[in-house]
Amino acid sequence: MLRNTFRGDLSYNGRTMPWSTLEKVRAKSPLVHNITNYVVMNQTANALLAVGASPVMAHAVEEVEEMVGLASALVINIGTLSSPWIEAMLRAGLVAKRRGIPIVLDPVGCGATAFRTATSALLVEKLRPTIIRGNASEILALAGGAAQTKGVDSRQSTESVAGAADWLAGANDCVVSVSGEVDLIIGGGTTIHVHNGHPIMTSVTGMGCTASALTGAFVAVGTSPLIAAAHAMTVMGVCGELAAARSTGPGSFVSAFMDALWTLDDKILAATARVS
């Protein structure tokens, strides 16, 4: 597998820097259509607003096709799954696919139950998402492996599923973004590692879902899917570290994290991003 390295200026082989993508999001304020779970709607909407995007949470079958036609990206998250929502996901996804709108799929809990695993596989088959973003266990299960999960949490390391992620990306002509202690982004034979983040992020619900929402915002502004996914995970990790330094526990962490997204600038990114 080809492995490349980010230079000191945070560009990737001469392409855009994380700050450049974030700046585009703030300038363009893309509408990101989220079909996501009840647990995280408020948090992911606030995170999108904090980076400058415009969130909409619409899952009714009666309106998703019209809504996604107005959007610049579609984020599908199966966290609180039900049959009507699956129909809505498929309807919205097929419109997005037909119109060339990027799709981010978060297969929350894939591998935990047969229902979630089958639904995730169906969405990949029918929609061919632009980016699949999940934890290591979810990615392994989606690739057909035997994943160890605890509810919707991962019991795998990102490096242990690198082969499965690479296969999944190649088989579906997409980018696969795996979150963990070291985030792994794979696509087109290239692997990117994001080393930013903080352990407290695993003690706050919805951080993975937030990463998927931000990935949707970053790919909505024309940045290539591989780089958009890497930039989103870099911003997540950097802001996680900043928030951890300013908070005393999970409650204050969430507020500090939103503030970090809001105030993040090029100097902070240049000083703290650790990507290879």
C-alpha atoms as a PDB file:
ATOM      1  CA  MET A   1       0.000   0.000   0.000  1.00  0.00           C
ATOM      2  CA  LEU A   2       1.240   3.460  -0.926  1.00  0.00           C
ATOM      3  CA  ARG A   3       1.924   5.597   2.114  1.00  0.00           C
ATOM      4  CA  ASN A   4       2.366   9.347   1.866  1.00  0.00           C
ATOM      5  CA  THR A   5       3.126  11.981   4.465  1.00  0.00           C
ATOM      6  CA  PHE A   6       1.730  15.376   5.335  1.00  0.00           C
ATOM      7  CA  ARG A   7       4.325  18.112   5.093  1.00  0.00           C
ATOM      8  CA  GLY A   8       4.949  20.622   7.844  1.00  0.00           C
ATOM      9  CA  ASP A   9       2.544  23.113   6.248  1.00  0.00           C
ATOM     10  CA  LEU A  10      -0.217  20.523   6.648  1.00  0.00           C
ATOM     11  CA  SER A  11      -0.730  20.145   2.909  1.00  0.00           C
ATOM     12  CA  TYR A  12      -1.139  16.656   1.546  1.00  0.00           C
ATOM     13  CA  ASN A  13       1.026  16.150  -1.512  1.00  0.00           C
ATOM     14  CA  GLY A  14       0.473  19.791  -2.419  1.00  0.00           C
ATOM     15  CA  ARG A  15      -3.290  19.628  -1.955  1.00  0.00           C
ATOM     16  CA  THR A  16      -5.454  21.642   0.427  1.00  0.00           C
ATOM     17  CA  MET A  17      -4.640  22.086   4.101  1.00  0.00           C
ATOM     18  CA  PRO A  18      -7.157  21.342   6.882  1.00  0.00           C
ATOM     19  CA  TRP A  19      -7.479  25.066   7.457  1.00  0.00           C
ATOM     20  CA  SER A  20      -8.308  25.641   3.785  1.00  0.00           C
ATOM     21  CA  THR A  21     -11.192  23.185   3.943  1.00  0.00           C
ATOM     22  CA  LEU A  22     -12.507  24.613   7.216  1.00  0.00           C
ATOM     23  CA  GLU A  23     -12.267  28.099   5.718  1.00  0.00           C
ATOM     24  CA  LYS A  24     -14.354  26.959   2.729  1.00  0.00           C
ATOM     25  CA  VAL A  25     -17.007  25.545   5.059  1.00  0.00           C
ATOM     26  CA  ARG A  26     -17.179  28.834   6.951  1.00  0.00           C
ATOM     27  CA  ALA A  27     -17.395  30.814   3.716  1.00  0.00           C
ATOM     28  CA  LYS A  28     -19.925  28.646   1.880  1.00  0.00           C
ATOM     29  CA  SER A  29     -22.034  27.408   4.830  1.00  0.00           C
ATOM     30  CA  PRO A  30     -23.097  24.233   2.985  1.00  0.00           C
ATOM     31  CA  LEU A  31     -26.445  22.662   3.842  1.00  0.00           C
ATOM     32  CA  VAL A  32     -25.777  19.209   5.299  1.00  0.00           C
ATOM     33  CA  HIS A  33     -28.795  16.893   5.365  1.00  0.00           C
ATOM     34  CA  ASN A  34     -28.572  14.507   8.303  1.00  0.00           C
ATOM     35  CA  ILE A  35     -30.682  11.400   8.719  1.00  0.00           C
ATOM     36  CA  THR A  36     -29.252  10.624  12.105  1.00  0.00           C
ATOM     37  CA  ASN A  37     -30.179   9.235  15.496  1.00  0.00           C
ATOM     38  CA  TYR A  38     -32.198  10.792  18.302  1.00  0.00           C
ATOM     39  CA  VAL A  39     -29.294  10.604  20.740  1.00  0.00           C
ATOM     40  CA  VAL A  40     -27.037  13.015  18.857  1.00  0.00           C
ATOM     41  CA  MET A  41     -29.240  15.342  16.813  1.00  0.00           C
ATOM     42  CA  ASN A  42     -28.667  18.361  19.013  1.00  0.00           C
ATOM     43  CA  GLN A  43     -24.942  17.781  19.414  1.00  0.00           C
ATOM     44  CA  THR A  44     -24.215  17.168  15.738  1.00  0.00           C
ATOM     45  CA  ALA A  45     -26.344  20.127  14.661  1.00  0.00           C
ATOM     46  CA  ASN A  46     -24.445  22.396  17.057  1.00  0.00           C
ATOM     47  CA  ALA A  47     -21.101  21.048  15.854  1.00  0.00           C
ATOM     48  CA  LEU A  48     -22.043  21.763  12.237  1.00  0.00           C
ATOM     49  CA  LEU A  49     -23.092  25.274  13.188  1.00  0.00           C
ATOM     50  CA  ALA A  50     -19.833  25.752  15.115  1.00  0.00           C
ATOM     51  CA  VAL A  51     -17.738  25.056  11.997  1.00  0.00           C
ATOM     52  CA  GLY A  52     -19.945  27.260   9.850  1.00  0.00           C
ATOM     53  CA  ALA A  53     -22.120  24.674   8.090  1.00  0.00           C
ATOM     54  CA  SER A  54     -25.917  24.702   7.966  1.00  0.00           C
ATOM     55  CA  PRO A  55     -27.500  21.525   9.403  1.00  0.00           C
ATOM     56  CA  VAL A  56     -30.933  20.072   8.686  1.00  0.00           C
ATOM     57  CA  MET A  57     -32.247  16.992  10.481  1.00  0.00           C
ATOM     58  CA  ALA A  58     -34.976  15.527   8.273  1.00  0.00           C
ATOM     59  CA  HIS A  59     -35.978  11.873   8.240  1.00  0.00           C
ATOM     60  CA  ALA A  60     -39.675  11.797   7.284  1.00  0.00           C
ATOM     61  CA  VAL A  61     -40.244   9.676   4.181  1.00  0.00           C
ATOM     62  CA  GLU A  62     -42.545  12.381   2.866  1.00  0.00           C
ATOM     63  CA  GLU A  63     -39.814  15.034   2.600  1.00  0.00           C
ATOM     64  CA  VAL A  64     -36.336  13.469   2.439  1.00  0.00           C
ATOM     65  CA  GLU A  65     -36.146  13.358  -1.353  1.00  0.00           C
ATOM     66  CA  GLU A  66     -37.029  17.036  -1.629  1.00  0.00           C
ATOM     67  CA  MET A  67     -34.748  18.018   1.237  1.00  0.00           C
ATOM     68  CA  VAL A  68     -31.668  16.231  -0.038  1.00  0.00           C
ATOM     69  CA  GLY A  69     -32.151  18.001  -3.355  1.00  0.00           C
ATOM     70  CA  LEU A  70     -31.410  21.249  -1.541  1.00  0.00           C
ATOM     71  CA  ALA A  71     -28.335  19.924   0.262  1.00  0.00           C
ATOM     72  CA  SER A  72     -24.627  19.808  -0.554  1.00  0.00           C
ATOM     73  CA  ALA A  73     -24.050  16.549   1.356  1.00  0.00           C
ATOM     74  CA  LEU A  74     -26.081  13.738   2.916  1.00  0.00           C
ATOM     75  CA  VAL A  75     -25.042  12.097   6.188  1.00  0.00           C
ATOM     76  CA  ILE A  76     -26.749   8.786   7.018  1.00  0.00           C
ATOM     77  CA  ASN A  77     -26.360   7.512  10.582  1.00  0.00           C
ATOM     78  CA  ILE A  78     -28.120   4.308  11.687  1.00  0.00           C
ATOM     79  CA  GLY A  79     -27.760   4.852  15.440  1.00  0.00           C
ATOM     80  CA  THR A  80     -31.470   4.577  16.332  1.00  0.00           C
ATOM     81  CA  LEU A  81     -32.605   2.334  13.523  1.00  0.00           C
ATOM     82  CA  SER A  82     -36.169   1.577  12.445  1.00  0.00           C
ATOM     83  CA  SER A  83     -37.800   0.299   9.259  1.00  0.00           C
ATOM     84  CA  PRO A  84     -39.357   3.676   8.273  1.00  0.00           C
ATOM     85  CA  TRP A  85     -35.958   5.325   8.681  1.00  0.00           C
ATOM     86  CA  ILE A  86     -34.353   2.726   6.432  1.00  0.00           C
ATOM     87  CA  GLU A  87     -36.853   3.615   3.707  1.00  0.00           C
ATOM     88  CA  ALA A  88     -36.079   7.300   4.219  1.00  0.00           C
ATOM     89  CA  MET A  89     -32.334   6.629   4.035  1.00  0.00           C
ATOM     90  CA  LEU A  90     -32.705   4.710   0.792  1.00  0.00           C
ATOM     91  CA  ARG A  91     -34.974   7.327  -0.782  1.00  0.00           C
ATOM     92  CA  ALA A  92     -32.708  10.219   0.161  1.00  0.00           C
ATOM     93  CA  GLY A  93     -29.589   8.316  -0.775  1.00  0.00           C
ATOM     94  CA  LEU A  94     -30.826   7.390  -4.235  1.00  0.00           C
ATOM     95  CA  VAL A  95     -31.687  11.032  -4.976  1.00  0.00           C
ATOM     96  CA  ALA A  96     -28.278  12.133  -3.695  1.00  0.00           C
ATOM     97  CA  LYS A  97     -26.563   9.488  -5.792  1.00  0.00           C
ATOM     98  CA  ARG A  98     -28.480  10.537  -8.909  1.00  0.00           C
ATOM     99  CA  ARG A  99     -27.632  14.209  -8.363  1.00  0.00           C
ATOM    100  CA  GLY A 100     -23.977  13.638  -7.486  1.00  0.00           C
ATOM    101  CA  ILE A 101     -24.361  14.788  -3.880  1.00  0.00           C
ATOM    102  CA  PRO A 102     -21.704  13.170  -1.640  1.00  0.00           C
ATOM    103  CA  ILE A 103     -22.988  10.618   0.871  1.00  0.00           C
ATOM    104  CA  VAL A 104     -21.378   9.839   4.239  1.00  0.00           C
ATOM    105  CA  LEU A 105     -22.506   6.605   5.899  1.00  0.00           C
ATOM    106  CA  ASP A 106     -22.011   5.968   9.620  1.00  0.00           C
ATOM    107  CA  PRO A 107     -22.886   2.282  10.258  1.00  0.00           C
ATOM    108  CA  VAL A 108     -23.387   2.707  14.019  1.00  0.00           C
ATOM    109  CA  GLY A 109     -23.377  -0.643  15.799  1.00  0.00           C
ATOM    110  CA  CYS A 110     -22.798  -2.679  12.649  1.00  0.00           C
ATOM    111  CA  GLY A 111     -21.844  -6.128  13.913  1.00  0.00           C
ATOM    112  CA  ALA A 112     -23.809  -5.764  17.155  1.00  0.00           C
ATOM    113  CA  THR A 113     -27.059  -7.160  15.727  1.00  0.00           C
ATOM    114  CA  ALA A 114     -28.052  -8.886  12.507  1.00  0.00           C
ATOM    115  CA  PHE A 115     -30.512  -6.044  11.761  1.00  0.00           C
ATOM    116  CA  ARG A 116     -27.819  -3.366  11.905  1.00  0.00           C
ATOM    117  CA  THR A 117     -25.317  -5.414   9.939  1.00  0.00           C
ATOM    118  CA  ALA A 118     -27.808  -6.249   7.191  1.00  0.00           C
ATOM    119  CA  THR A 119     -28.997  -2.635   6.988  1.00  0.00           C
ATOM    120  CA  SER A 120     -25.447  -1.322   6.715  1.00  0.00           C
ATOM    121  CA  ALA A 121     -24.671  -3.785   3.920  1.00  0.00           C
ATOM    122  CA  LEU A 122     -27.888  -2.842   2.099  1.00  0.00           C
ATOM    123  CA  LEU A 123     -27.091   0.879   2.268  1.00  0.00           C
ATOM    124  CA  VAL A 124     -23.585   0.296   0.919  1.00  0.00           C
ATOM    125  CA  GLU A 125     -24.901  -1.904  -1.892  1.00  0.00           C
ATOM    126  CA  LYS A 126     -27.687   0.426  -2.986  1.00  0.00           C
ATOM    127  CA  LEU A 127     -26.117   3.826  -2.368  1.00  0.00           C
ATOM    128  CA  ARG A 128     -22.359   3.330  -2.842  1.00  0.00           C
ATOM    129  CA  PRO A 129     -21.525   6.035  -0.272  1.00  0.00           C
ATOM    130  CA  THR A 130     -18.721   8.460  -0.936  1.00  0.00           C
ATOM    131  CA  ILE A 131     -17.271   7.989   2.551  1.00  0.00           C
ATOM    132  CA  ILE A 132     -17.920   5.286   5.134  1.00  0.00           C
ATOM    133  CA  ARG A 133     -16.977   6.501   8.620  1.00  0.00           C
ATOM    134  CA  GLY A 134     -17.124   4.252  11.649  1.00  0.00           C
ATOM    135  CA  ASN A 135     -15.155   2.704  14.477  1.00  0.00           C
ATOM    136  CA  ALA A 136     -12.908  -0.294  13.943  1.00  0.00           C
ATOM    137  CA  SER A 137     -15.473  -2.938  14.929  1.00  0.00           C
ATOM    138  CA  GLU A 138     -18.118  -1.442  12.658  1.00  0.00           C
ATOM    139  CA  ILE A 139     -15.765  -1.322   9.685  1.00  0.00           C
ATOM    140  CA  LEU A 140     -14.603  -4.887  10.255  1.00  0.00           C
ATOM    141  CA  ALA A 141     -18.188  -6.149  10.472  1.00  0.00           C
ATOM    142  CA  LEU A 142     -19.191  -4.235   7.346  1.00  0.00           C
ATOM    143  CA  ALA A 143     -16.262  -5.780   5.494  1.00  0.00           C
ATOM    144  CA  GLY A 144     -17.546  -9.218   6.470  1.00  0.00           C
ATOM    145  CA  GLY A 145     -15.286  -9.931   9.434  1.00  0.00           C
ATOM    146  CA  ALA A 146     -16.213 -11.100  12.903  1.00  0.00           C
ATOM    147  CA  ALA A 147     -16.199  -7.906  14.949  1.00  0.00           C
ATOM    148  CA  GLN A 148     -16.029  -7.655  18.717  1.00  0.00           C
ATOM    149  CA  THR A 149     -18.442  -4.971  19.875  1.00  0.00           C
ATOM    150  CA  LYS A 150     -19.851  -3.741  23.161  1.00  0.00           C
ATOM    151  CA  GLY A 151     -23.166  -2.206  22.207  1.00  0.00           C
ATOM    152  CA  VAL A 152     -22.117   0.332  19.589  1.00  0.00           C
ATOM    153  CA  ASP A 153     -18.561   0.706  20.933  1.00  0.00           C
ATOM    154  CA  SER A 154     -15.466  -0.792  19.366  1.00  0.00           C
ATOM    155  CA  ARG A 155     -13.243  -3.475  20.827  1.00  0.00           C
ATOM    156  CA  GLN A 156     -10.806  -3.396  17.915  1.00  0.00           C
ATOM    157  CA  SER A 157      -7.858  -1.130  17.145  1.00  0.00           C
ATOM    158  CA  THR A 158      -7.758   0.796  13.893  1.00  0.00           C
ATOM    159  CA  GLU A 159      -4.521  -0.831  12.745  1.00  0.00           C
ATOM    160  CA  SER A 160      -5.990  -4.307  13.292  1.00  0.00           C
ATOM    161  CA  VAL A 161      -8.682  -3.569  10.705  1.00  0.00           C
ATOM    162  CA  ALA A 162      -6.504  -1.727   8.165  1.00  0.00           C
ATOM    163  CA  GLY A 163      -6.723  -4.617   5.720  1.00  0.00           C
ATOM    164  CA  ALA A 164     -10.501  -4.822   6.037  1.00  0.00           C
ATOM    165  CA  ALA A 165     -10.824  -1.056   5.593  1.00  0.00           C
ATOM    166  CA  ASP A 166      -8.609  -1.146   2.510  1.00  0.00           C
ATOM    167  CA  TRP A 167     -10.697  -3.959   1.023  1.00  0.00           C
ATOM    168  CA  LEU A 168     -13.957  -2.151   1.800  1.00  0.00           C
ATOM    169  CA  ALA A 169     -12.682   1.040   0.174  1.00  0.00           C
ATOM    170  CA  GLY A 170     -11.511  -0.779  -2.934  1.00  0.00           C
ATOM    171  CA  ALA A 171     -14.602  -2.947  -3.310  1.00  0.00           C
ATOM    172  CA  ASN A 172     -16.926   0.039  -3.125  1.00  0.00           C
ATOM    173  CA  ASP A 173     -14.759   2.719  -4.739  1.00  0.00           C
ATOM    174  CA  CYS A 174     -15.077   4.898  -1.662  1.00  0.00           C
ATOM    175  CA  VAL A 175     -13.094   6.328   1.227  1.00  0.00           C
ATOM    176  CA  VAL A 176     -13.144   4.552   4.577  1.00  0.00           C
ATOM    177  CA  SER A 177     -12.495   6.619   7.717  1.00  0.00           C
ATOM    178  CA  VAL A 178     -11.872   4.611  10.883  1.00  0.00           C
ATOM    179  CA  SER A 179     -11.892   6.401  14.234  1.00  0.00           C
ATOM    180  CA  GLY A 180      -9.845   5.216  17.183  1.00  0.00           C
ATOM    181  CA  GLU A 181      -6.790   6.064  19.240  1.00  0.00           C
ATOM    182  CA  VAL A 182      -5.163   6.741  15.853  1.00  0.00           C
ATOM    183  CA  ASP A 183      -7.661   7.555  13.102  1.00  0.00           C
ATOM    184  CA  LEU A 184      -7.165   5.754   9.813  1.00  0.00           C
ATOM    185  CA  ILE A 185      -8.373   7.135   6.482  1.00  0.00           C
ATOM    186  CA  ILE A 186      -8.010   4.920   3.416  1.00  0.00           C
ATOM    187  CA  GLY A 187      -8.898   5.436  -0.224  1.00  0.00           C
ATOM    188  CA  GLY A 188      -7.405   4.950  -3.663  1.00  0.00           C
ATOM    189  CA  GLY A 189      -4.409   3.043  -2.318  1.00  0.00           C
ATOM    190  CA  THR A 190      -3.433   5.826   0.102  1.00  0.00           C
ATOM    191  CA  THR A 191      -3.499   5.612   3.889  1.00  0.00           C
ATOM    192  CA  ILE A 192      -3.565   8.640   6.197  1.00  0.00           C
ATOM    193  CA  HIS A 193      -3.089   8.465   9.967  1.00  0.00           C
ATOM    194  CA  VAL A 194      -4.429  11.186  12.255  1.00  0.00           C
ATOM    195  CA  HIS A 195      -2.769  11.056  15.672  1.00  0.00           C
ATOM    196  CA  ASN A 196      -4.769  13.812  17.366  1.00  0.00           C
ATOM    197  CA  GLY A 197      -7.478  13.236  19.969  1.00  0.00           C
ATOM    198  CA  HIS A 198      -7.951  12.606  23.687  1.00  0.00           C
ATOM    199  CA  PRO A 199      -9.196   9.592  25.723  1.00  0.00           C
ATOM    200  CA  ILE A 200     -12.051  11.596  27.260  1.00  0.00           C
ATOM    201  CA  MET A 201     -13.706  11.666  23.842  1.00  0.00           C
ATOM    202  CA  THR A 202     -14.709   8.024  24.350  1.00  0.00           C
ATOM    203  CA  SER A 203     -16.610   9.025  27.504  1.00  0.00           C
ATOM    204  CA  VAL A 204     -18.914  11.431  25.658  1.00  0.00           C
ATOM    205  CA  THR A 205     -21.739  10.042  23.567  1.00  0.00           C
ATOM    206  CA  GLY A 206     -21.968  11.087  19.951  1.00  0.00           C
ATOM    207  CA  MET A 207     -18.370  12.031  19.217  1.00  0.00           C
ATOM    208  CA  GLY A 208     -18.171   9.512  16.382  1.00  0.00           C
ATOM    209  CA  CYS A 209     -21.497  10.768  15.038  1.00  0.00           C
ATOM    210  CA  THR A 210     -20.123  14.306  15.237  1.00  0.00           C
ATOM    211  CA  ALA A 211     -17.095  13.197  13.219  1.00  0.00           C
ATOM    212  CA  SER A 212     -19.424  11.848  10.524  1.00  0.00           C
ATOM    213  CA  ALA A 213     -21.410  15.101  10.435  1.00  0.00           C
ATOM    214  CA  LEU A 214     -18.238  17.179  10.094  1.00  0.00           C
ATOM    215  CA  THR A 215     -17.008  14.829   7.383  1.00  0.00           C
ATOM    216  CA  GLY A 216     -20.222  15.611   5.525  1.00  0.00           C
ATOM    217  CA  ALA A 217     -19.595  19.340   5.843  1.00  0.00           C
ATOM    218  CA  PHE A 218     -15.996  19.018   4.691  1.00  0.00           C
ATOM    219  CA  VAL A 219     -16.801  16.922   1.620  1.00  0.00           C
ATOM    220  CA  ALA A 220     -19.690  19.271   0.759  1.00  0.00           C
ATOM    221  CA  VAL A 221     -17.367  22.119  -0.292  1.00  0.00           C
ATOM    222  CA  GLY A 222     -15.554  20.334  -3.107  1.00  0.00           C
ATOM    223  CA  THR A 223     -12.552  18.934  -1.244  1.00  0.00           C
ATOM    224  CA  SER A 224     -11.755  15.397  -2.439  1.00  0.00           C
ATOM    225  CA  PRO A 225     -13.354  12.684  -0.265  1.00  0.00           C
ATOM    226  CA  LEU A 226     -10.018  11.324   0.986  1.00  0.00           C
ATOM    227  CA  ILE A 227      -8.729  14.728   2.023  1.00  0.00           C
ATOM    228  CA  ALA A 228     -12.097  15.893   3.357  1.00  0.00           C
ATOM    229  CA  ALA A 229     -12.266  12.839   5.615  1.00  0.00           C
ATOM    230  CA  ALA A 230      -8.698  13.367   6.834  1.00  0.00           C
ATOM    231  CA  HIS A 231      -9.272  17.067   7.461  1.00  0.00           C
ATOM    232  CA  ALA A 232     -12.487  16.392   9.388  1.00  0.00           C
ATOM    233  CA  MET A 233     -10.775  13.873  11.649  1.00  0.00           C
ATOM    234  CA  THR A 234      -7.848  16.252  12.171  1.00  0.00           C
ATOM    235  CA  VAL A 235     -10.196  19.037  13.258  1.00  0.00           C
ATOM    236  CA  MET A 236     -12.061  16.605  15.544  1.00  0.00           C
ATOM    237  CA  GLY A 237      -8.846  15.426  17.170  1.00  0.00           C
ATOM    238  CA  VAL A 238      -7.304  18.865  17.594  1.00  0.00           C
ATOM    239  CA  CYS A 239     -10.506  20.275  19.102  1.00  0.00           C
ATOM    240  CA  GLY A 240     -10.764  17.233  21.374  1.00  0.00           C
ATOM    241  CA  GLU A 241      -7.310  17.966  22.760  1.00  0.00           C
ATOM    242  CA  LEU A 242      -8.080  21.661  23.212  1.00  0.00           C
ATOM    243  CA  ALA A 243     -11.368  20.884  24.964  1.00  0.00           C
ATOM    244  CA  ALA A 244      -9.777  18.305  27.261  1.00  0.00           C
ATOM    245  CA  ALA A 245      -7.226  20.882  28.407  1.00  0.00           C
ATOM    246  CA  ARG A 246      -9.993  23.349  29.284  1.00  0.00           C
ATOM    247  CA  SER A 247     -12.520  21.004  30.953  1.00  0.00           C
ATOM    248  CA  THR A 248     -12.832  19.059  34.192  1.00  0.00           C
ATOM    249  CA  GLY A 249     -15.000  16.179  32.960  1.00  0.00           C
ATOM    250  CA  PRO A 250     -17.372  14.999  30.210  1.00  0.00           C
ATOM    251  CA  GLY A 251     -19.980  17.690  30.869  1.00  0.00           C
ATOM    252  CA  SER A 252     -17.699  20.669  30.566  1.00  0.00           C
ATOM    253  CA  PHE A 253     -15.825  18.891  27.760  1.00  0.00           C
ATOM    254  CA  VAL A 254     -18.819  19.093  25.422  1.00  0.00           C
ATOM    255  CA  SER A 255     -19.112  22.861  25.870  1.00  0.00           C
ATOM    256  CA  ALA A 256     -15.359  23.320  25.505  1.00  0.00           C
ATOM    257  CA  PHE A 257     -15.360  21.165  22.367  1.00  0.00           C
ATOM    258  CA  MET A 258     -18.019  23.317  20.705  1.00  0.00           C
ATOM    259  CA  ASP A 259     -16.062  26.438  21.633  1.00  0.00           C
ATOM    260  CA  ALA A 260     -12.900  24.906  20.175  1.00  0.00           C
ATOM    261  CA  LEU A 261     -14.667  24.231  16.871  1.00  0.00           C
ATOM    262  CA  TRP A 262     -15.914  27.817  16.835  1.00  0.00           C
ATOM    263  CA  THR A 263     -12.540  29.427  17.569  1.00  0.00           C
ATOM    264  CA  LEU A 264     -10.203  27.084  15.657  1.00  0.00           C
ATOM    265  CA  ASP A 265      -7.817  28.901  13.340  1.00  0.00           C
ATOM    266  CA  ASP A 266      -4.868  28.208  11.061  1.00  0.00           C
ATOM    267  CA  LYS A 267      -2.249  28.887  13.725  1.00  0.00           C
ATOM    268  CA  ILE A 268      -3.779  26.423  16.178  1.00  0.00           C
ATOM    269  CA  LEU A 269      -4.016  23.745  13.476  1.00  0.00           C
ATOM    270  CA  ALA A 270      -0.445  24.292  12.327  1.00  0.00           C
ATOM    271  CA  ALA A 271       0.834  24.009  15.886  1.00  0.00           C
ATOM    272  CA  THR A 272      -1.153  20.938  16.956  1.00  0.00           C
ATOM    273  CA  ALA A 273      -2.118  18.726  13.997  1.00  0.00           C
ATOM    274  CA  ARG A 274      -0.225  15.420  13.878  1.00  0.00           C
ATOM    275  CA  VAL A 275      -0.906  13.616  10.635  1.00  0.00           C
ATOM    276  CA  SER A 276       1.129  11.100   8.621  1.00  0.00           C
END
